């Protein structure tokens, strides 16, 4: 079984012993996230309060994905339970740390969006929901995970802290 990767940057930043998942799971999660975020933006035009509830639910989903990883992510569980058994075995996997980081970024966008809706700034809520939507759609439609692309830079910075100057 091949373990090809899609991101060239992950080959240099991720040790091979890191947990890996079927790429189709995160893509499925990105499609569901895209649908939820489109619904948030459509709902915001008629009811910012309802949009706040929807983005709050999506923020919880992002938080679970960031904290527990793609295997425990609610949409990942749906994929594993209902779709994966009906698909051929995977030939392409990706490491989980960049996916968790991407979920953390999604959580930040959703949290700022929620704050915007709750504080009465529908524009801020919609703009940050739009940022999250852009990232989710890019991953769903084209397999480009923005958080996964940024992850090697952040990982490199965390490993090489800047010494304090005197």
N, C-alpha and C. Protein backbone atom coordinates (compact mmCIF):
# COMPACT_ATOMS: atom_id res chain seq x y z
N UNK A 1 0.84 -1.18 0.00
CA UNK A 1 0.00 0.00 0.00
C UNK A 1 0.89 1.25 0.00
N UNK A 2 0.65 2.11 -0.89
CA UNK A 2 1.42 3.34 -1.02
C UNK A 2 0.95 4.38 -0.01
N UNK A 3 1.88 5.19 0.44
CA UNK A 3 1.50 6.30 1.33
C UNK A 3 1.96 7.60 0.70
N UNK A 4 1.48 7.84 -0.50
CA UNK A 4 1.82 9.07 -1.20
C UNK A 4 1.28 10.26 -0.42
N UNK A 5 1.93 11.40 -0.59
CA UNK A 5 1.43 12.61 0.04
C UNK A 5 1.16 13.65 -1.02
N UNK A 6 0.25 14.58 -0.68
CA UNK A 6 -0.10 15.62 -1.63
C UNK A 6 0.75 16.88 -1.45
N UNK A 7 1.13 17.16 -0.24
CA UNK A 7 1.87 18.39 0.02
C UNK A 7 3.36 18.10 0.05
N UNK A 8 4.11 18.79 -0.77
CA UNK A 8 5.55 18.59 -0.76
C UNK A 8 6.16 19.14 0.51
N UNK A 9 5.55 20.16 1.10
CA UNK A 9 6.10 20.76 2.31
C UNK A 9 6.04 19.80 3.49
N UNK A 10 5.07 18.86 3.51
CA UNK A 10 4.95 17.97 4.64
C UNK A 10 6.04 16.91 4.65
N UNK A 11 6.67 16.66 3.52
CA UNK A 11 7.74 15.67 3.49
C UNK A 11 8.93 16.11 4.32
N UNK A 12 9.17 17.39 4.40
CA UNK A 12 10.32 17.86 5.14
C UNK A 12 10.00 18.20 6.58
N UNK A 13 8.74 18.50 6.89
CA UNK A 13 8.40 18.95 8.23
C UNK A 13 7.80 17.86 9.12
N UNK A 14 7.32 16.77 8.56
CA UNK A 14 6.62 15.75 9.32
C UNK A 14 7.43 14.45 9.34
N UNK A 15 7.81 13.99 10.53
CA UNK A 15 8.50 12.70 10.59
C UNK A 15 7.57 11.58 10.13
N UNK A 16 8.11 10.53 9.52
CA UNK A 16 7.28 9.45 8.98
C UNK A 16 6.51 8.68 10.05
N UNK A 17 6.90 8.73 11.32
CA UNK A 17 6.23 7.98 12.37
C UNK A 17 4.93 8.65 12.83
N UNK A 18 4.62 9.82 12.34
CA UNK A 18 3.43 10.55 12.72
C UNK A 18 2.19 9.82 12.21
N UNK A 19 1.12 9.86 13.00
CA UNK A 19 -0.16 9.26 12.61
C UNK A 19 -0.64 9.86 11.30
N UNK A 20 -1.18 9.02 10.44
CA UNK A 20 -1.64 9.46 9.13
C UNK A 20 -3.09 9.01 8.93
N UNK A 21 -3.82 9.76 8.10
CA UNK A 21 -5.21 9.42 7.81
C UNK A 21 -5.45 9.44 6.30
N UNK A 22 -6.50 8.76 5.91
CA UNK A 22 -6.97 8.73 4.53
C UNK A 22 -7.32 10.17 4.11
N UNK A 23 -6.79 10.64 3.00
CA UNK A 23 -7.05 12.02 2.56
C UNK A 23 -8.52 12.29 2.26
N UNK A 24 -9.26 11.23 1.97
CA UNK A 24 -10.67 11.43 1.63
C UNK A 24 -11.50 11.88 2.83
N UNK A 25 -11.09 11.52 4.04
CA UNK A 25 -11.81 11.94 5.24
C UNK A 25 -11.78 13.45 5.44
N UNK A 26 -10.59 14.07 5.46
CA UNK A 26 -10.54 15.52 5.58
C UNK A 26 -11.21 16.25 4.41
N UNK A 27 -11.15 15.67 3.21
CA UNK A 27 -11.85 16.30 2.07
C UNK A 27 -13.36 16.27 2.29
N UNK A 28 -13.87 15.14 2.79
CA UNK A 28 -15.30 15.05 3.11
C UNK A 28 -15.66 16.09 4.17
N UNK A 29 -14.84 16.18 5.21
CA UNK A 29 -15.09 17.17 6.27
C UNK A 29 -15.08 18.58 5.71
N UNK A 30 -14.20 18.84 4.76
CA UNK A 30 -14.14 20.18 4.14
C UNK A 30 -15.40 20.47 3.35
N UNK A 31 -15.97 19.45 2.68
CA UNK A 31 -17.23 19.66 1.94
C UNK A 31 -18.38 19.97 2.90
N UNK A 32 -18.46 19.23 4.00
CA UNK A 32 -19.52 19.49 4.98
C UNK A 32 -19.34 20.88 5.59
N UNK A 33 -18.10 21.21 5.93
CA UNK A 33 -17.81 22.54 6.48
C UNK A 33 -18.18 23.63 5.49
N UNK A 34 -17.87 23.43 4.23
CA UNK A 34 -18.24 24.39 3.20
C UNK A 34 -19.75 24.61 3.19
N UNK A 35 -20.50 23.54 3.24
CA UNK A 35 -21.97 23.66 3.24
C UNK A 35 -22.46 24.41 4.47
N UNK A 36 -21.91 24.10 5.63
CA UNK A 36 -22.31 24.79 6.86
C UNK A 36 -21.99 26.28 6.77
N UNK A 37 -20.81 26.61 6.28
CA UNK A 37 -20.42 28.02 6.21
C UNK A 37 -21.22 28.79 5.16
N UNK A 38 -21.59 28.16 4.07
CA UNK A 38 -22.48 28.81 3.10
C UNK A 38 -23.82 29.09 3.78
N UNK A 39 -24.30 28.12 4.55
CA UNK A 39 -25.55 28.30 5.28
C UNK A 39 -25.44 29.45 6.29
N UNK A 40 -24.29 29.56 6.95
CA UNK A 40 -24.06 30.67 7.89
C UNK A 40 -24.20 32.00 7.16
N UNK A 41 -23.53 32.12 6.02
CA UNK A 41 -23.56 33.39 5.28
C UNK A 41 -24.96 33.71 4.75
N UNK A 42 -25.66 32.70 4.25
CA UNK A 42 -27.03 32.93 3.77
C UNK A 42 -27.96 33.32 4.93
N UNK A 43 -27.81 32.65 6.05
CA UNK A 43 -28.64 32.93 7.22
C UNK A 43 -28.35 34.32 7.77
N UNK A 44 -27.10 34.75 7.70
CA UNK A 44 -26.72 36.07 8.23
C UNK A 44 -27.46 37.20 7.55
N UNK A 45 -27.88 36.99 6.32
CA UNK A 45 -28.59 38.05 5.60
C UNK A 45 -29.99 38.28 6.15
N UNK A 46 -30.57 37.26 6.79
CA UNK A 46 -31.92 37.42 7.34
C UNK A 46 -31.97 37.36 8.85
N UNK A 47 -31.02 36.67 9.49
CA UNK A 47 -31.03 36.54 10.94
C UNK A 47 -29.62 36.35 11.48
N UNK A 48 -28.96 37.45 11.85
CA UNK A 48 -27.61 37.32 12.42
C UNK A 48 -27.57 36.44 13.67
N UNK A 49 -28.66 36.42 14.43
CA UNK A 49 -28.72 35.56 15.62
C UNK A 49 -28.65 34.09 15.26
N UNK A 50 -29.41 33.70 14.24
CA UNK A 50 -29.37 32.30 13.79
C UNK A 50 -28.00 31.97 13.19
N UNK A 51 -27.40 32.93 12.50
CA UNK A 51 -26.06 32.73 11.94
C UNK A 51 -25.06 32.53 13.08
N UNK A 52 -25.24 33.27 14.17
CA UNK A 52 -24.35 33.12 15.33
C UNK A 52 -24.45 31.71 15.91
N UNK A 53 -25.64 31.17 15.97
CA UNK A 53 -25.83 29.80 16.48
C UNK A 53 -25.13 28.80 15.56
N UNK A 54 -25.31 28.96 14.26
CA UNK A 54 -24.67 28.04 13.31
C UNK A 54 -23.14 28.12 13.37
N UNK A 55 -22.61 29.34 13.43
CA UNK A 55 -21.14 29.47 13.47
C UNK A 55 -20.60 28.98 14.82
N UNK A 56 -21.40 29.11 15.88
CA UNK A 56 -20.98 28.57 17.18
C UNK A 56 -20.87 27.05 17.11
N UNK A 57 -21.84 26.41 16.47
CA UNK A 57 -21.78 24.95 16.31
C UNK A 57 -20.57 24.54 15.48
N UNK A 58 -20.30 25.29 14.41
CA UNK A 58 -19.14 24.97 13.57
C UNK A 58 -17.85 25.22 14.35
N UNK A 59 -17.83 26.24 15.20
CA UNK A 59 -16.64 26.50 16.03
C UNK A 59 -16.37 25.32 16.96
N UNK A 60 -17.42 24.73 17.51
CA UNK A 60 -17.26 23.55 18.36
C UNK A 60 -16.67 22.39 17.55
N UNK A 61 -17.16 22.22 16.34
CA UNK A 61 -16.63 21.16 15.46
C UNK A 61 -15.14 21.40 15.18
N UNK A 62 -14.79 22.65 14.87
CA UNK A 62 -13.37 22.98 14.65
C UNK A 62 -12.55 22.70 15.90
N UNK A 63 -13.07 23.07 17.07
CA UNK A 63 -12.34 22.87 18.33
C UNK A 63 -12.09 21.39 18.59
N UNK A 64 -13.09 20.56 18.34
CA UNK A 64 -12.91 19.11 18.51
C UNK A 64 -11.85 18.60 17.55
N UNK A 65 -11.88 19.05 16.31
CA UNK A 65 -10.88 18.63 15.33
C UNK A 65 -9.48 19.06 15.71
N UNK A 66 -9.35 20.27 16.25
CA UNK A 66 -8.04 20.78 16.65
C UNK A 66 -7.51 20.04 17.88
N UNK A 67 -8.39 19.77 18.83
CA UNK A 67 -7.95 19.14 20.08
C UNK A 67 -7.76 17.63 19.95
N UNK A 68 -8.65 16.97 19.25
CA UNK A 68 -8.63 15.50 19.22
C UNK A 68 -8.13 14.90 17.92
N UNK A 69 -8.05 15.70 16.87
CA UNK A 69 -7.54 15.20 15.60
C UNK A 69 -8.64 14.71 14.66
N UNK A 70 -8.28 14.39 13.43
CA UNK A 70 -9.26 14.05 12.41
C UNK A 70 -10.05 12.77 12.69
N UNK A 71 -9.49 11.84 13.43
CA UNK A 71 -10.22 10.59 13.71
C UNK A 71 -11.40 10.82 14.66
N UNK A 72 -11.31 11.83 15.51
CA UNK A 72 -12.39 12.11 16.46
C UNK A 72 -13.25 13.30 16.03
N UNK A 73 -12.87 13.94 14.95
CA UNK A 73 -13.62 15.06 14.39
C UNK A 73 -15.03 14.56 14.05
N UNK A 74 -16.09 15.31 14.40
CA UNK A 74 -17.44 14.82 14.12
C UNK A 74 -17.67 14.43 12.66
N UNK A 75 -17.20 15.26 11.72
CA UNK A 75 -17.40 14.92 10.31
C UNK A 75 -16.51 13.74 9.91
N UNK A 76 -15.35 13.63 10.53
CA UNK A 76 -14.46 12.50 10.28
C UNK A 76 -15.07 11.19 10.75
N UNK A 77 -15.78 11.24 11.86
CA UNK A 77 -16.46 10.04 12.36
C UNK A 77 -17.57 9.62 11.40
N UNK A 78 -18.29 10.59 10.85
CA UNK A 78 -19.33 10.28 9.87
C UNK A 78 -18.71 9.60 8.65
N UNK A 79 -17.58 10.18 8.18
CA UNK A 79 -16.88 9.58 7.04
C UNK A 79 -16.46 8.15 7.34
N UNK A 80 -15.85 7.95 8.52
CA UNK A 80 -15.35 6.62 8.88
C UNK A 80 -16.47 5.60 9.04
N UNK A 81 -17.60 6.04 9.56
CA UNK A 81 -18.69 5.10 9.83
C UNK A 81 -19.51 4.77 8.58
N UNK A 82 -19.76 5.77 7.75
CA UNK A 82 -20.70 5.56 6.65
C UNK A 82 -20.09 5.52 5.25
N UNK A 83 -19.02 6.26 5.03
CA UNK A 83 -18.46 6.32 3.68
C UNK A 83 -17.25 5.43 3.47
N UNK A 84 -16.30 5.46 4.38
CA UNK A 84 -15.06 4.71 4.22
C UNK A 84 -15.29 3.21 3.98
N UNK A 85 -16.23 2.57 4.69
CA UNK A 85 -16.44 1.14 4.44
C UNK A 85 -16.92 0.82 3.01
N UNK A 86 -17.48 1.81 2.34
CA UNK A 86 -18.00 1.59 0.99
C UNK A 86 -16.98 1.95 -0.10
N UNK A 87 -15.84 2.48 0.31
CA UNK A 87 -14.81 2.91 -0.64
C UNK A 87 -13.69 1.89 -0.71
N UNK A 88 -12.96 1.95 -1.80
CA UNK A 88 -11.77 1.10 -1.94
C UNK A 88 -10.73 1.53 -0.91
N UNK A 89 -9.82 0.63 -0.56
CA UNK A 89 -8.76 1.02 0.38
C UNK A 89 -8.00 2.24 -0.16
N UNK A 90 -7.56 3.05 0.77
CA UNK A 90 -6.87 4.27 0.38
C UNK A 90 -5.46 4.00 -0.12
N UNK A 91 -5.04 4.81 -1.04
CA UNK A 91 -3.65 4.74 -1.50
C UNK A 91 -2.93 6.04 -1.18
N UNK A 92 -3.64 6.96 -0.58
CA UNK A 92 -3.05 8.26 -0.28
C UNK A 92 -3.42 8.67 1.13
N UNK A 93 -2.40 9.02 1.93
CA UNK A 93 -2.64 9.45 3.30
C UNK A 93 -1.95 10.78 3.53
N UNK A 94 -2.31 11.40 4.65
CA UNK A 94 -1.63 12.62 5.05
C UNK A 94 -1.49 12.63 6.56
N UNK A 95 -0.48 13.34 7.07
CA UNK A 95 -0.23 13.36 8.51
C UNK A 95 -1.29 14.17 9.25
N UNK A 96 -1.55 13.81 10.50
CA UNK A 96 -2.58 14.49 11.27
C UNK A 96 -2.17 15.83 11.87
N UNK A 97 -0.91 16.08 12.25
CA UNK A 97 -0.61 17.38 12.87
C UNK A 97 -0.98 18.60 12.01
N UNK A 98 -0.69 18.61 10.71
CA UNK A 98 -1.12 19.77 9.92
C UNK A 98 -2.64 19.91 9.85
N UNK A 99 -3.35 18.79 9.85
CA UNK A 99 -4.81 18.83 9.82
C UNK A 99 -5.35 19.42 11.11
N UNK A 100 -4.74 19.06 12.23
CA UNK A 100 -5.16 19.63 13.51
C UNK A 100 -4.90 21.14 13.54
N UNK A 101 -3.77 21.54 12.99
CA UNK A 101 -3.45 22.97 12.93
C UNK A 101 -4.47 23.69 12.04
N UNK A 102 -4.84 23.09 10.93
CA UNK A 102 -5.84 23.69 10.04
C UNK A 102 -7.17 23.86 10.77
N UNK A 103 -7.54 22.87 11.58
CA UNK A 103 -8.77 22.99 12.36
C UNK A 103 -8.67 24.10 13.40
N UNK A 104 -7.48 24.28 13.95
CA UNK A 104 -7.27 25.39 14.89
C UNK A 104 -7.47 26.74 14.19
N UNK A 105 -6.94 26.86 12.98
CA UNK A 105 -7.15 28.10 12.22
C UNK A 105 -8.63 28.30 11.92
N UNK A 106 -9.32 27.23 11.55
CA UNK A 106 -10.76 27.31 11.32
C UNK A 106 -11.49 27.75 12.57
N UNK A 107 -11.06 27.22 13.72
CA UNK A 107 -11.66 27.62 14.98
C UNK A 107 -11.47 29.12 15.24
N UNK A 108 -10.28 29.62 14.98
CA UNK A 108 -10.01 31.06 15.19
C UNK A 108 -10.93 31.90 14.29
N UNK A 109 -11.03 31.54 13.02
CA UNK A 109 -11.93 32.27 12.11
C UNK A 109 -13.38 32.20 12.60
N UNK A 110 -13.82 31.02 13.01
CA UNK A 110 -15.20 30.85 13.47
C UNK A 110 -15.44 31.63 14.77
N UNK A 111 -14.45 31.64 15.66
CA UNK A 111 -14.61 32.36 16.92
C UNK A 111 -14.72 33.86 16.69
N UNK A 112 -13.90 34.40 15.79
CA UNK A 112 -13.98 35.83 15.48
C UNK A 112 -15.31 36.12 14.78
N UNK A 113 -15.74 35.24 13.91
CA UNK A 113 -17.03 35.39 13.25
C UNK A 113 -18.15 35.41 14.29
N UNK A 114 -18.12 34.48 15.21
CA UNK A 114 -19.12 34.41 16.27
C UNK A 114 -19.13 35.69 17.09
N UNK A 115 -17.96 36.17 17.44
CA UNK A 115 -17.85 37.43 18.19
C UNK A 115 -18.49 38.57 17.41
N UNK A 116 -18.23 38.62 16.12
CA UNK A 116 -18.83 39.66 15.30
C UNK A 116 -20.35 39.60 15.33
N UNK A 117 -20.91 38.42 15.14
CA UNK A 117 -22.37 38.28 15.16
C UNK A 117 -22.94 38.63 16.54
N UNK A 118 -22.30 38.13 17.60
CA UNK A 118 -22.81 38.36 18.96
C UNK A 118 -22.74 39.84 19.34
N UNK A 119 -21.69 40.52 18.90
CA UNK A 119 -21.52 41.94 19.26
C UNK A 119 -22.25 42.88 18.30
N UNK A 120 -23.01 42.32 17.37
CA UNK A 120 -23.82 43.14 16.49
C UNK A 120 -23.15 43.60 15.21
N UNK A 121 -21.96 43.10 14.94
CA UNK A 121 -21.27 43.47 13.71
C UNK A 121 -21.40 42.33 12.70
N UNK A 122 -22.49 42.34 11.98
CA UNK A 122 -22.75 41.30 11.00
C UNK A 122 -21.66 41.26 9.93
N UNK A 123 -21.10 42.42 9.62
CA UNK A 123 -20.02 42.47 8.61
C UNK A 123 -18.81 41.66 9.08
N UNK A 124 -18.38 41.88 10.31
CA UNK A 124 -17.22 41.14 10.84
C UNK A 124 -17.55 39.65 10.87
N UNK A 125 -18.75 39.31 11.34
CA UNK A 125 -19.16 37.90 11.37
C UNK A 125 -19.13 37.27 10.00
N UNK A 126 -19.67 37.97 9.02
CA UNK A 126 -19.72 37.44 7.66
C UNK A 126 -18.33 37.36 7.03
N UNK A 127 -17.49 38.36 7.26
CA UNK A 127 -16.15 38.35 6.66
C UNK A 127 -15.33 37.18 7.18
N UNK A 128 -15.36 36.95 8.49
CA UNK A 128 -14.56 35.85 9.03
C UNK A 128 -15.16 34.48 8.71
N UNK A 129 -16.48 34.41 8.61
CA UNK A 129 -17.09 33.17 8.12
C UNK A 129 -16.67 32.95 6.66
N UNK A 130 -16.56 34.04 5.92
CA UNK A 130 -16.11 33.96 4.53
C UNK A 130 -14.66 33.49 4.42
N UNK A 131 -13.79 33.94 5.33
CA UNK A 131 -12.41 33.45 5.34
C UNK A 131 -12.38 31.94 5.57
N UNK A 132 -13.16 31.48 6.55
CA UNK A 132 -13.21 30.04 6.83
C UNK A 132 -13.79 29.29 5.63
N UNK A 133 -14.81 29.87 5.01
CA UNK A 133 -15.42 29.25 3.83
C UNK A 133 -14.40 29.12 2.70
N UNK A 134 -13.64 30.17 2.46
CA UNK A 134 -12.62 30.14 1.41
C UNK A 134 -11.65 28.99 1.64
N UNK A 135 -11.15 28.87 2.88
CA UNK A 135 -10.18 27.81 3.19
C UNK A 135 -10.82 26.42 3.05
N UNK A 136 -12.04 26.27 3.56
CA UNK A 136 -12.71 24.96 3.47
C UNK A 136 -12.98 24.58 2.02
N UNK A 137 -13.46 25.53 1.22
CA UNK A 137 -13.76 25.22 -0.18
C UNK A 137 -12.48 24.90 -0.96
N UNK A 138 -11.42 25.61 -0.68
CA UNK A 138 -10.15 25.34 -1.35
C UNK A 138 -9.71 23.90 -1.10
N UNK A 139 -9.87 23.44 0.14
CA UNK A 139 -9.51 22.07 0.47
C UNK A 139 -10.49 21.08 -0.16
N UNK A 140 -11.77 21.37 -0.06
CA UNK A 140 -12.78 20.45 -0.58
C UNK A 140 -12.68 20.28 -2.09
N UNK A 141 -12.62 21.38 -2.80
CA UNK A 141 -12.67 21.34 -4.26
C UNK A 141 -11.33 21.02 -4.92
N UNK A 142 -10.25 21.50 -4.33
CA UNK A 142 -8.95 21.39 -5.00
C UNK A 142 -7.90 20.62 -4.21
N UNK A 143 -8.23 20.20 -2.99
CA UNK A 143 -7.27 19.47 -2.17
C UNK A 143 -6.14 20.32 -1.65
N UNK A 144 -6.36 21.63 -1.58
CA UNK A 144 -5.33 22.54 -1.06
C UNK A 144 -5.73 22.95 0.35
N UNK A 145 -5.00 22.47 1.32
CA UNK A 145 -5.27 22.78 2.72
C UNK A 145 -4.36 23.93 3.14
N UNK A 146 -4.94 25.11 3.31
CA UNK A 146 -4.13 26.29 3.66
C UNK A 146 -3.42 26.10 5.00
N UNK A 147 -4.14 25.58 5.98
CA UNK A 147 -3.52 25.34 7.29
C UNK A 147 -2.37 24.37 7.19
N UNK A 148 -2.52 23.35 6.33
CA UNK A 148 -1.46 22.36 6.14
C UNK A 148 -0.24 22.98 5.46
N UNK A 149 -0.48 23.97 4.60
CA UNK A 149 0.62 24.67 3.93
C UNK A 149 1.37 25.57 4.90
N UNK A 150 0.65 26.16 5.85
CA UNK A 150 1.26 27.06 6.83
C UNK A 150 1.95 26.28 7.95
N UNK A 151 1.45 25.09 8.25
CA UNK A 151 1.94 24.30 9.37
C UNK A 151 3.46 24.13 9.41
N UNK A 152 4.14 23.77 8.32
CA UNK A 152 5.60 23.59 8.41
C UNK A 152 6.33 24.85 8.88
N UNK A 153 5.82 26.02 8.48
CA UNK A 153 6.44 27.27 8.93
C UNK A 153 6.28 27.46 10.42
N UNK A 154 5.09 27.20 10.92
CA UNK A 154 4.82 27.34 12.35
C UNK A 154 5.61 26.30 13.14
N UNK A 155 5.66 25.08 12.64
CA UNK A 155 6.42 24.02 13.32
C UNK A 155 7.90 24.37 13.39
N UNK A 156 8.42 24.94 12.33
CA UNK A 156 9.82 25.34 12.30
C UNK A 156 10.08 26.46 13.31
N UNK A 157 9.18 27.40 13.41
CA UNK A 157 9.33 28.50 14.36
C UNK A 157 9.26 28.00 15.80
N UNK A 158 8.42 27.03 16.05
CA UNK A 158 8.28 26.49 17.41
C UNK A 158 9.53 25.73 17.84
N UNK A 159 10.21 25.08 16.89
CA UNK A 159 11.42 24.32 17.20
C UNK A 159 12.64 25.20 17.38
N UNK A 160 12.62 26.38 16.78
CA UNK A 160 13.77 27.29 16.86
C UNK A 160 13.36 28.60 17.52
N UNK A 161 13.15 28.58 18.85
CA UNK A 161 12.76 29.83 19.50
C UNK A 161 13.87 30.87 19.41
N UNK A 162 13.46 32.11 19.29
CA UNK A 162 14.41 33.21 19.19
C UNK A 162 14.98 33.46 20.60
N UNK A 163 16.32 33.46 20.74
CA UNK A 163 16.91 33.71 22.06
C UNK A 163 16.61 35.14 22.51
N UNK A 164 16.45 35.29 23.81
CA UNK A 164 16.18 36.62 24.37
C UNK A 164 17.40 37.49 24.22
N UNK A 165 17.17 38.75 23.83
CA UNK A 165 18.31 39.67 23.68
C UNK A 165 18.56 40.39 24.99
N UNK A 166 19.82 40.73 25.21
CA UNK A 166 20.21 41.41 26.46
C UNK A 166 20.14 42.89 26.33
